[in-house]
Amino acid sequence: MPETLDISEARKKFNTFDQDLREQPVIYITRHNKQAFAIVNIEYLETMIETMEVLSDPDAMAMLNESLKAIQEGRLIDHEEVEKEFL
C-alpha cells in the first residue's frame, strides 16, 4: 500500500523521499484530505510509460496476443533449439 502524507508532512520529509522511494514506488500527497499529487520513483515511472506505449501500439499488442495464443496451444520452441538455429 503506497504511503500517503499530508502536504505539511511531505514538506518535512522532502529530503528523505529518495530513500523512501527505494522501498515503495509511489508516495501520495494529500491536501485537505484529498489526493493532490504523487511523488514517483523515476524507474517505476519509466517502466509505466514504456508499458503504456506497448499497450497503445496495435502491432505490438497483436504480436503479444499471437505469442500468448502460441503458448496456450503448446507451440513452443526450446531455447536450445533456438541456439542451434542461430549458432
PDB file of N, CA and C in Angstrom:
ATOM      1  N   MET A   1       0.845  -1.184   0.000  1.00  0.00           N
ATOM      2  CA  MET A   1       0.000   0.000   0.000  1.00  0.00           C
ATOM      3  C   MET A   1       0.885   1.240   0.000  1.00  0.00           C
ATOM      4  N   PRO A   2       0.712   2.113  -0.975  1.00  0.00           N
ATOM      5  CA  PRO A   2       1.541   3.320  -1.031  1.00  0.00           C
ATOM      6  C   PRO A   2       1.341   4.210   0.194  1.00  0.00           C
ATOM      7  N   GLU A   3       2.401   4.863   0.556  1.00  0.00           N
ATOM      8  CA  GLU A   3       2.347   5.800   1.676  1.00  0.00           C
ATOM      9  C   GLU A   3       1.558   7.036   1.252  1.00  0.00           C
ATOM     10  N   THR A   4       0.782   7.571   2.162  1.00  0.00           N
ATOM     11  CA  THR A   4       0.038   8.804   1.917  1.00  0.00           C
ATOM     12  C   THR A   4       0.416   9.807   2.997  1.00  0.00           C
ATOM     13  N   LEU A   5       0.794  10.982   2.571  1.00  0.00           N
ATOM     14  CA  LEU A   5       1.192  12.039   3.500  1.00  0.00           C
ATOM     15  C   LEU A   5       0.413  13.308   3.211  1.00  0.00           C
ATOM     16  N   ASP A   6       0.094  14.033   4.263  1.00  0.00           N
ATOM     17  CA  ASP A   6      -0.465  15.366   4.106  1.00  0.00           C
ATOM     18  C   ASP A   6       0.664  16.263   3.601  1.00  0.00           C
ATOM     19  N   ILE A   7       0.324  17.287   2.872  1.00  0.00           N
ATOM     20  CA  ILE A   7       1.349  18.145   2.268  1.00  0.00           C
ATOM     21  C   ILE A   7       2.289  18.747   3.312  1.00  0.00           C
ATOM     22  N   SER A   8       1.795  19.049   4.487  1.00  0.00           N
ATOM     23  CA  SER A   8       2.678  19.606   5.529  1.00  0.00           C
ATOM     24  C   SER A   8       3.675  18.552   6.010  1.00  0.00           C
ATOM     25  N   GLU A   9       3.246  17.286   6.120  1.00  0.00           N
ATOM     26  CA  GLU A   9       4.166  16.207   6.471  1.00  0.00           C
ATOM     27  C   GLU A   9       5.184  16.005   5.354  1.00  0.00           C
ATOM     28  N   ALA A  10       4.718  16.088   4.120  1.00  0.00           N
ATOM     29  CA  ALA A  10       5.595  15.877   2.963  1.00  0.00           C
ATOM     30  C   ALA A  10       6.699  16.930   2.932  1.00  0.00           C
ATOM     31  N   ARG A  11       6.368  18.150   3.259  1.00  0.00           N
ATOM     32  CA  ARG A  11       7.386  19.211   3.273  1.00  0.00           C
ATOM     33  C   ARG A  11       8.500  18.869   4.253  1.00  0.00           C
ATOM     34  N   LYS A  12       8.115  18.324   5.404  1.00  0.00           N
ATOM     35  CA  LYS A  12       9.106  17.973   6.436  1.00  0.00           C
ATOM     36  C   LYS A  12       9.988  16.807   5.987  1.00  0.00           C
ATOM     37  N   LYS A  13       9.427  15.894   5.187  1.00  0.00           N
ATOM     38  CA  LYS A  13      10.151  14.699   4.769  1.00  0.00           C
ATOM     39  C   LYS A  13      10.819  14.826   3.412  1.00  0.00           C
ATOM     40  N   PHE A  14      10.768  15.991   2.822  1.00  0.00           N
ATOM     41  CA  PHE A  14      11.248  16.163   1.449  1.00  0.00           C
ATOM     42  C   PHE A  14      12.649  15.588   1.232  1.00  0.00           C
ATOM     43  N   ASN A  15      13.543  15.812   2.151  1.00  0.00           N
ATOM     44  CA  ASN A  15      14.934  15.378   1.989  1.00  0.00           C
ATOM     45  C   ASN A  15      15.115  13.869   2.066  1.00  0.00           C
ATOM     46  N   THR A  16      14.099  13.133   2.482  1.00  0.00           N
ATOM     47  CA  THR A  16      14.234  11.673   2.589  1.00  0.00           C
ATOM     48  C   THR A  16      13.433  10.922   1.533  1.00  0.00           C
ATOM     49  N   PHE A  17      12.759  11.616   0.650  1.00  0.00           N
ATOM     50  CA  PHE A  17      11.934  10.944  -0.358  1.00  0.00           C
ATOM     51  C   PHE A  17      12.751  10.001  -1.245  1.00  0.00           C
ATOM     52  N   ASP A  18      13.973  10.375  -1.568  1.00  0.00           N
ATOM     53  CA  ASP A  18      14.781   9.492  -2.411  1.00  0.00           C
ATOM     54  C   ASP A  18      14.988   8.136  -1.749  1.00  0.00           C
ATOM     55  N   GLN A  19      15.178   8.105  -0.439  1.00  0.00           N
ATOM     56  CA  GLN A  19      15.317   6.843   0.290  1.00  0.00           C
ATOM     57  C   GLN A  19      13.977   6.109   0.367  1.00  0.00           C
ATOM     58  N   ASP A  20      12.912   6.840   0.645  1.00  0.00           N
ATOM     59  CA  ASP A  20      11.581   6.233   0.762  1.00  0.00           C
ATOM     60  C   ASP A  20      11.148   5.585  -0.556  1.00  0.00           C
ATOM     61  N   LEU A  21      11.492   6.210  -1.665  1.00  0.00           N
ATOM     62  CA  LEU A  21      11.075   5.704  -2.969  1.00  0.00           C
ATOM     63  C   LEU A  21      11.851   4.474  -3.408  1.00  0.00           C
ATOM     64  N   ARG A  22      12.899   4.116  -2.686  1.00  0.00           N
ATOM     65  CA  ARG A  22      13.584   2.853  -2.952  1.00  0.00           C
ATOM     66  C   ARG A  22      12.742   1.684  -2.464  1.00  0.00           C
ATOM     67  N   GLU A  23      11.964   1.922  -1.417  1.00  0.00           N
ATOM     68  CA  GLU A  23      11.159   0.872  -0.801  1.00  0.00           C
ATOM     69  C   GLU A  23       9.757   0.782  -1.392  1.00  0.00           C
ATOM     70  N   GLN A  24       9.243   1.885  -1.881  1.00  0.00           N
ATOM     71  CA  GLN A  24       7.901   1.915  -2.474  1.00  0.00           C
ATOM     72  C   GLN A  24       7.933   2.866  -3.664  1.00  0.00           C
ATOM     73  N   PRO A  25       7.272   2.490  -4.755  1.00  0.00           N
ATOM     74  CA  PRO A  25       7.418   3.290  -5.976  1.00  0.00           C
ATOM     75  C   PRO A  25       6.643   4.600  -5.996  1.00  0.00           C
ATOM     76  N   VAL A  26       5.610   4.727  -5.136  1.00  0.00           N
ATOM     77  CA  VAL A  26       4.759   5.919  -5.181  1.00  0.00           C
ATOM     78  C   VAL A  26       4.457   6.387  -3.761  1.00  0.00           C
ATOM     79  N   ILE A  27       4.482   7.691  -3.580  1.00  0.00           N
ATOM     80  CA  ILE A  27       4.036   8.313  -2.332  1.00  0.00           C
ATOM     81  C   ILE A  27       2.977   9.340  -2.712  1.00  0.00           C
ATOM     82  N   TYR A  28       1.787   9.176  -2.153  1.00  0.00           N
ATOM     83  CA  TYR A  28       0.686  10.108  -2.440  1.00  0.00           C
ATOM     84  C   TYR A  28       0.725  11.268  -1.457  1.00  0.00           C
ATOM     85  N   ILE A  29       0.465  12.448  -1.976  1.00  0.00           N
ATOM     86  CA  ILE A  29       0.430  13.659  -1.161  1.00  0.00           C
ATOM     87  C   ILE A  29      -0.999  14.194  -1.192  1.00  0.00           C
ATOM     88  N   THR A  30      -1.525  14.476  -0.004  1.00  0.00           N
ATOM     89  CA  THR A  30      -2.891  14.991   0.087  1.00  0.00           C
ATOM     90  C   THR A  30      -2.889  16.449   0.527  1.00  0.00           C
ATOM     91  N   ARG A  31      -3.953  17.116   0.151  1.00  0.00           N
ATOM     92  CA  ARG A  31      -4.206  18.491   0.588  1.00  0.00           C
ATOM     93  C   ARG A  31      -5.680  18.532   0.966  1.00  0.00           C
ATOM     94  N   HIS A  32      -5.967  18.913   2.186  1.00  0.00           N
ATOM     95  CA  HIS A  32      -7.344  18.949   2.694  1.00  0.00           C
ATOM     96  C   HIS A  32      -8.015  17.575   2.565  1.00  0.00           C
ATOM     97  N   ASN A  33      -7.239  16.536   2.908  1.00  0.00           N
ATOM     98  CA  ASN A  33      -7.709  15.143   2.901  1.00  0.00           C
ATOM     99  C   ASN A  33      -8.090  14.614   1.522  1.00  0.00           C
ATOM    100  N   LYS A  34      -7.638  15.251   0.465  1.00  0.00           N
ATOM    101  CA  LYS A  34      -7.874  14.768  -0.896  1.00  0.00           C
ATOM    102  C   LYS A  34      -6.519  14.598  -1.579  1.00  0.00           C
ATOM    103  N   GLN A  35      -6.387  13.525  -2.369  1.00  0.00           N
ATOM    104  CA  GLN A  35      -5.133  13.340  -3.084  1.00  0.00           C
ATOM    105  C   GLN A  35      -4.899  14.515  -4.026  1.00  0.00           C
ATOM    106  N   ALA A  36      -3.704  15.112  -3.900  1.00  0.00           N
ATOM    107  CA  ALA A  36      -3.364  16.270  -4.716  1.00  0.00           C
ATOM    108  C   ALA A  36      -2.351  15.901  -5.804  1.00  0.00           C
ATOM    109  N   PHE A  37      -1.363  15.090  -5.450  1.00  0.00           N
ATOM    110  CA  PHE A  37      -0.355  14.654  -6.403  1.00  0.00           C
ATOM    111  C   PHE A  37       0.402  13.478  -5.819  1.00  0.00           C
ATOM    112  N   ALA A  38       1.320  12.961  -6.606  1.00  0.00           N
ATOM    113  CA  ALA A  38       2.125  11.829  -6.157  1.00  0.00           C
ATOM    114  C   ALA A  38       3.588  12.077  -6.505  1.00  0.00           C
ATOM    115  N   ILE A  39       4.442  11.523  -5.693  1.00  0.00           N
ATOM    116  CA  ILE A  39       5.873  11.515  -5.961  1.00  0.00           C
ATOM    117  C   ILE A  39       6.192  10.087  -6.374  1.00  0.00           C
ATOM    118  N   VAL A  40       6.867   9.945  -7.521  1.00  0.00           N
ATOM    119  CA  VAL A  40       7.042   8.618  -8.103  1.00  0.00           C
ATOM    120  C   VAL A  40       8.528   8.337  -8.346  1.00  0.00           C
ATOM    121  N   ASN A  41       8.937   7.120  -8.029  1.00  0.00           N
ATOM    122  CA  ASN A  41      10.280   6.653  -8.324  1.00  0.00           C
ATOM    123  C   ASN A  41      10.467   6.713  -9.844  1.00  0.00           C
ATOM    124  N   ILE A  42      11.554   7.294 -10.313  1.00  0.00           N
ATOM    125  CA  ILE A  42      11.746   7.536 -11.737  1.00  0.00           C
ATOM    126  C   ILE A  42      11.798   6.233 -12.536  1.00  0.00           C
ATOM    127  N   GLU A  43      12.425   5.203 -11.992  1.00  0.00           N
ATOM    128  CA  GLU A  43      12.483   3.921 -12.705  1.00  0.00           C
ATOM    129  C   GLU A  43      11.085   3.326 -12.863  1.00  0.00           C
ATOM    130  N   TYR A  44      10.269   3.451 -11.834  1.00  0.00           N
ATOM    131  CA  TYR A  44       8.887   2.966 -11.890  1.00  0.00           C
ATOM    132  C   TYR A  44       8.110   3.747 -12.948  1.00  0.00           C
ATOM    133  N   LEU A  45       8.287   5.061 -12.966  1.00  0.00           N
ATOM    134  CA  LEU A  45       7.611   5.905 -13.943  1.00  0.00           C
ATOM    135  C   LEU A  45       8.014   5.531 -15.370  1.00  0.00           C
ATOM    136  N   GLU A  46       9.306   5.340 -15.598  1.00  0.00           N
ATOM    137  CA  GLU A  46       9.773   4.973 -16.929  1.00  0.00           C
ATOM    138  C   GLU A  46       9.195   3.628 -17.365  1.00  0.00           C
ATOM    139  N   THR A  47       9.106   2.691 -16.435  1.00  0.00           N
ATOM    140  CA  THR A  47       8.515   1.385 -16.735  1.00  0.00           C
ATOM    141  C   THR A  47       7.043   1.520 -17.089  1.00  0.00           C
ATOM    142  N   MET A  48       6.324   2.335 -16.347  1.00  0.00           N
ATOM    143  CA  MET A  48       4.900   2.546 -16.624  1.00  0.00           C
ATOM    144  C   MET A  48       4.692   3.202 -17.995  1.00  0.00           C
ATOM    145  N   ILE A  49       5.505   4.180 -18.318  1.00  0.00           N
ATOM    146  CA  ILE A  49       5.395   4.856 -19.620  1.00  0.00           C
ATOM    147  C   ILE A  49       5.680   3.873 -20.746  1.00  0.00           C
ATOM    148  N   GLU A  50       6.726   3.071 -20.584  1.00  0.00           N
ATOM    149  CA  GLU A  50       7.062   2.079 -21.602  1.00  0.00           C
ATOM    150  C   GLU A  50       5.922   1.070 -21.777  1.00  0.00           C
ATOM    151  N   THR A  51       5.331   0.639 -20.672  1.00  0.00           N
ATOM    152  CA  THR A  51       4.200  -0.297 -20.727  1.00  0.00           C
ATOM    153  C   THR A  51       3.017   0.326 -21.450  1.00  0.00           C
ATOM    154  N   MET A  52       2.715   1.579 -21.155  1.00  0.00           N
ATOM    155  CA  MET A  52       1.601   2.247 -21.829  1.00  0.00           C
ATOM    156  C   MET A  52       1.860   2.390 -23.323  1.00  0.00           C
ATOM    157  N   GLU A  53       3.119   2.647 -23.692  1.00  0.00           N
ATOM    158  CA  GLU A  53       3.458   2.754 -25.114  1.00  0.00           C
ATOM    159  C   GLU A  53       3.231   1.424 -25.827  1.00  0.00           C
ATOM    160  N   VAL A  54       3.628   0.316 -25.195  1.00  0.00           N
ATOM    161  CA  VAL A  54       3.415  -1.001 -25.792  1.00  0.00           C
ATOM    162  C   VAL A  54       1.928  -1.294 -25.901  1.00  0.00           C
ATOM    163  N   LEU A  55       1.189  -1.021 -24.830  1.00  0.00           N
ATOM    164  CA  LEU A  55      -0.244  -1.302 -24.827  1.00  0.00           C
ATOM    165  C   LEU A  55      -1.011  -0.458 -25.837  1.00  0.00           C
ATOM    166  N   SER A  56      -0.472   0.691 -26.193  1.00  0.00           N
ATOM    167  CA  SER A  56      -1.163   1.555 -27.159  1.00  0.00           C
ATOM    168  C   SER A  56      -0.713   1.306 -28.603  1.00  0.00           C
ATOM    169  N   ASP A  57       0.245   0.407 -28.785  1.00  0.00           N
ATOM    170  CA  ASP A  57       0.754   0.090 -30.122  1.00  0.00           C
ATOM    171  C   ASP A  57       0.029  -1.146 -30.649  1.00  0.00           C
ATOM    172  N   PRO A  58      -0.837  -0.989 -31.648  1.00  0.00           N
ATOM    173  CA  PRO A  58      -1.617  -2.126 -32.162  1.00  0.00           C
ATOM    174  C   PRO A  58      -0.740  -3.277 -32.672  1.00  0.00           C
ATOM    175  N   ASP A  59       0.372  -2.962 -33.321  1.00  0.00           N
ATOM    176  CA  ASP A  59       1.253  -4.019 -33.826  1.00  0.00           C
ATOM    177  C   ASP A  59       1.885  -4.810 -32.678  1.00  0.00           C
ATOM    178  N   ALA A  60       2.343  -4.109 -31.653  1.00  0.00           N
ATOM    179  CA  ALA A  60       2.945  -4.784 -30.500  1.00  0.00           C
ATOM    180  C   ALA A  60       1.916  -5.657 -29.784  1.00  0.00           C
ATOM    181  N   MET A  61       0.696  -5.151 -29.659  1.00  0.00           N
ATOM    182  CA  MET A  61      -0.352  -5.936 -28.998  1.00  0.00           C
ATOM    183  C   MET A  61      -0.732  -7.165 -29.821  1.00  0.00           C
ATOM    184  N   ALA A  62      -0.738  -7.037 -31.133  1.00  0.00           N
ATOM    185  CA  ALA A  62      -1.040  -8.184 -31.995  1.00  0.00           C
ATOM    186  C   ALA A  62       0.031  -9.259 -31.821  1.00  0.00           C
ATOM    187  N   MET A  63       1.301  -8.842 -31.766  1.00  0.00           N
ATOM    188  CA  MET A  63       2.392  -9.791 -31.562  1.00  0.00           C
ATOM    189  C   MET A  63       2.285 -10.459 -30.195  1.00  0.00           C
ATOM    190  N   LEU A  64       1.957  -9.688 -29.174  1.00  0.00           N
ATOM    191  CA  LEU A  64       1.796 -10.234 -27.826  1.00  0.00           C
ATOM    192  C   LEU A  64       0.667 -11.248 -27.793  1.00  0.00           C
ATOM    193  N   ASN A  65      -0.461 -10.892 -28.380  1.00  0.00           N
ATOM    194  CA  ASN A  65      -1.612 -11.812 -28.388  1.00  0.00           C
ATOM    195  C   ASN A  65      -1.291 -13.086 -29.159  1.00  0.00           C
ATOM    196  N   GLU A  66      -0.566 -12.975 -30.261  1.00  0.00           N
ATOM    197  CA  GLU A  66      -0.169 -14.157 -31.028  1.00  0.00           C
ATOM    198  C   GLU A  66       0.772 -15.037 -30.199  1.00  0.00           C
ATOM    199  N   SER A  67       1.675 -14.417 -29.471  1.00  0.00           N
ATOM    200  CA  SER A  67       2.591 -15.172 -28.614  1.00  0.00           C
ATOM    201  C   SER A  67       1.833 -15.911 -27.511  1.00  0.00           C
ATOM    202  N   LEU A  68       0.878 -15.239 -26.895  1.00  0.00           N
ATOM    203  CA  LEU A  68       0.078 -15.878 -25.843  1.00  0.00           C
ATOM    204  C   LEU A  68      -0.726 -17.049 -26.407  1.00  0.00           C
ATOM    205  N   LYS A  69      -1.264 -16.866 -27.602  1.00  0.00           N
ATOM    206  CA  LYS A  69      -2.020 -17.929 -28.248  1.00  0.00           C
ATOM    207  C   LYS A  69      -1.114 -19.126 -28.535  1.00  0.00           C
ATOM    208  N   ALA A  70       0.085 -18.863 -29.015  1.00  0.00           N
ATOM    209  CA  ALA A  70       1.042 -19.931 -29.301  1.00  0.00           C
ATOM    210  C   ALA A  70       1.391 -20.704 -28.028  1.00  0.00           C
ATOM    211  N   ILE A  71       1.567 -20.001 -26.937  1.00  0.00           N
ATOM    212  CA  ILE A  71       1.865 -20.655 -25.655  1.00  0.00           C
ATOM    213  C   ILE A  71       0.701 -21.543 -25.239  1.00  0.00           C
ATOM    214  N   GLN A  72      -0.514 -21.005 -25.318  1.00  0.00           N
ATOM    215  CA  GLN A  72      -1.700 -21.785 -24.943  1.00  0.00           C
ATOM    216  C   GLN A  72      -1.852 -23.038 -25.798  1.00  0.00           C
ATOM    217  N   GLU A  73      -1.465 -22.938 -27.051  1.00  0.00           N
ATOM    218  CA  GLU A  73      -1.584 -24.073 -27.967  1.00  0.00           C
ATOM    219  C   GLU A  73      -0.379 -25.005 -27.894  1.00  0.00           C
ATOM    220  N   GLY A  74       0.587 -24.665 -27.070  1.00  0.00           N
ATOM    221  CA  GLY A  74       1.757 -25.517 -26.907  1.00  0.00           C
ATOM    222  C   GLY A  74       2.773 -25.399 -28.028  1.00  0.00           C
ATOM    223  N   ARG A  75       2.657 -24.354 -28.835  1.00  0.00           N
ATOM    224  CA  ARG A  75       3.615 -24.138 -29.925  1.00  0.00           C
ATOM    225  C   ARG A  75       4.821 -23.394 -29.370  1.00  0.00           C
ATOM    226  N   LEU A  76       5.703 -24.161 -28.736  1.00  0.00           N
ATOM    227  CA  LEU A  76       6.867 -23.569 -28.080  1.00  0.00           C
ATOM    228  C   LEU A  76       8.141 -24.107 -28.705  1.00  0.00           C
ATOM    229  N   ILE A  77       9.174 -23.296 -28.675  1.00  0.00           N
ATOM    230  CA  ILE A  77      10.480 -23.715 -29.168  1.00  0.00           C
ATOM    231  C   ILE A  77      11.447 -23.619 -27.993  1.00  0.00           C
ATOM    232  N   ASP A  78      12.104 -24.722 -27.708  1.00  0.00           N
ATOM    233  CA  ASP A  78      13.074 -24.781 -26.629  1.00  0.00           C
ATOM    234  C   ASP A  78      14.246 -23.849 -26.937  1.00  0.00           C
ATOM    235  N   HIS A  79      14.773 -23.190 -25.897  1.00  0.00           N
ATOM    236  CA  HIS A  79      15.865 -22.236 -26.121  1.00  0.00           C
ATOM    237  C   HIS A  79      17.087 -22.909 -26.734  1.00  0.00           C
ATOM    238  N   GLU A  80      17.297 -24.179 -26.443  1.00  0.00           N
ATOM    239  CA  GLU A  80      18.427 -24.897 -27.034  1.00  0.00           C
ATOM    240  C   GLU A  80      18.255 -25.046 -28.544  1.00  0.00           C
ATOM    241  N   GLU A  81      17.018 -25.261 -28.980  1.00  0.00           N
ATOM    242  CA  GLU A  81      16.746 -25.339 -30.415  1.00  0.00           C
ATOM    243  C   GLU A  81      17.027 -23.996 -31.099  1.00  0.00           C
ATOM    244  N   VAL A  82      16.656 -22.936 -30.438  1.00  0.00           N
ATOM    245  CA  VAL A  82      16.898 -21.593 -30.982  1.00  0.00           C
ATOM    246  C   VAL A  82      18.393 -21.345 -31.082  1.00  0.00           C
ATOM    247  N   GLU A  83      19.145 -21.718 -30.049  1.00  0.00           N
ATOM    248  CA  GLU A  83      20.592 -21.539 -30.086  1.00  0.00           C
ATOM    249  C   GLU A  83      21.214 -22.279 -31.274  1.00  0.00           C
ATOM    250  N   LYS A  84      20.789 -23.523 -31.497  1.00  0.00           N
ATOM    251  CA  LYS A  84      21.327 -24.302 -32.601  1.00  0.00           C
ATOM    252  C   LYS A  84      21.040 -23.618 -33.936  1.00  0.00           C
ATOM    253  N   GLU A  85      19.861 -23.029 -34.044  1.00  0.00           N
ATOM    254  CA  GLU A  85      19.460 -22.379 -35.286  1.00  0.00           C
ATOM    255  C   GLU A  85      20.314 -21.145 -35.587  1.00  0.00           C
ATOM    256  N   PHE A  86      20.719 -20.434 -34.541  1.00  0.00           N
ATOM    257  CA  PHE A  86      21.427 -19.179 -34.745  1.00  0.00           C
ATOM    258  C   PHE A  86      22.931 -19.280 -34.590  1.00  0.00           C
ATOM    259  N   LEU A  87      23.421 -20.408 -34.178  1.00  0.00           N
ATOM    260  CA  LEU A  87      24.885 -20.544 -33.999  1.00  0.00           C
ATOM    261  C   LEU A  87      25.527 -21.220 -35.168  1.00  0.00           C
TER     262      LEU A  87
END
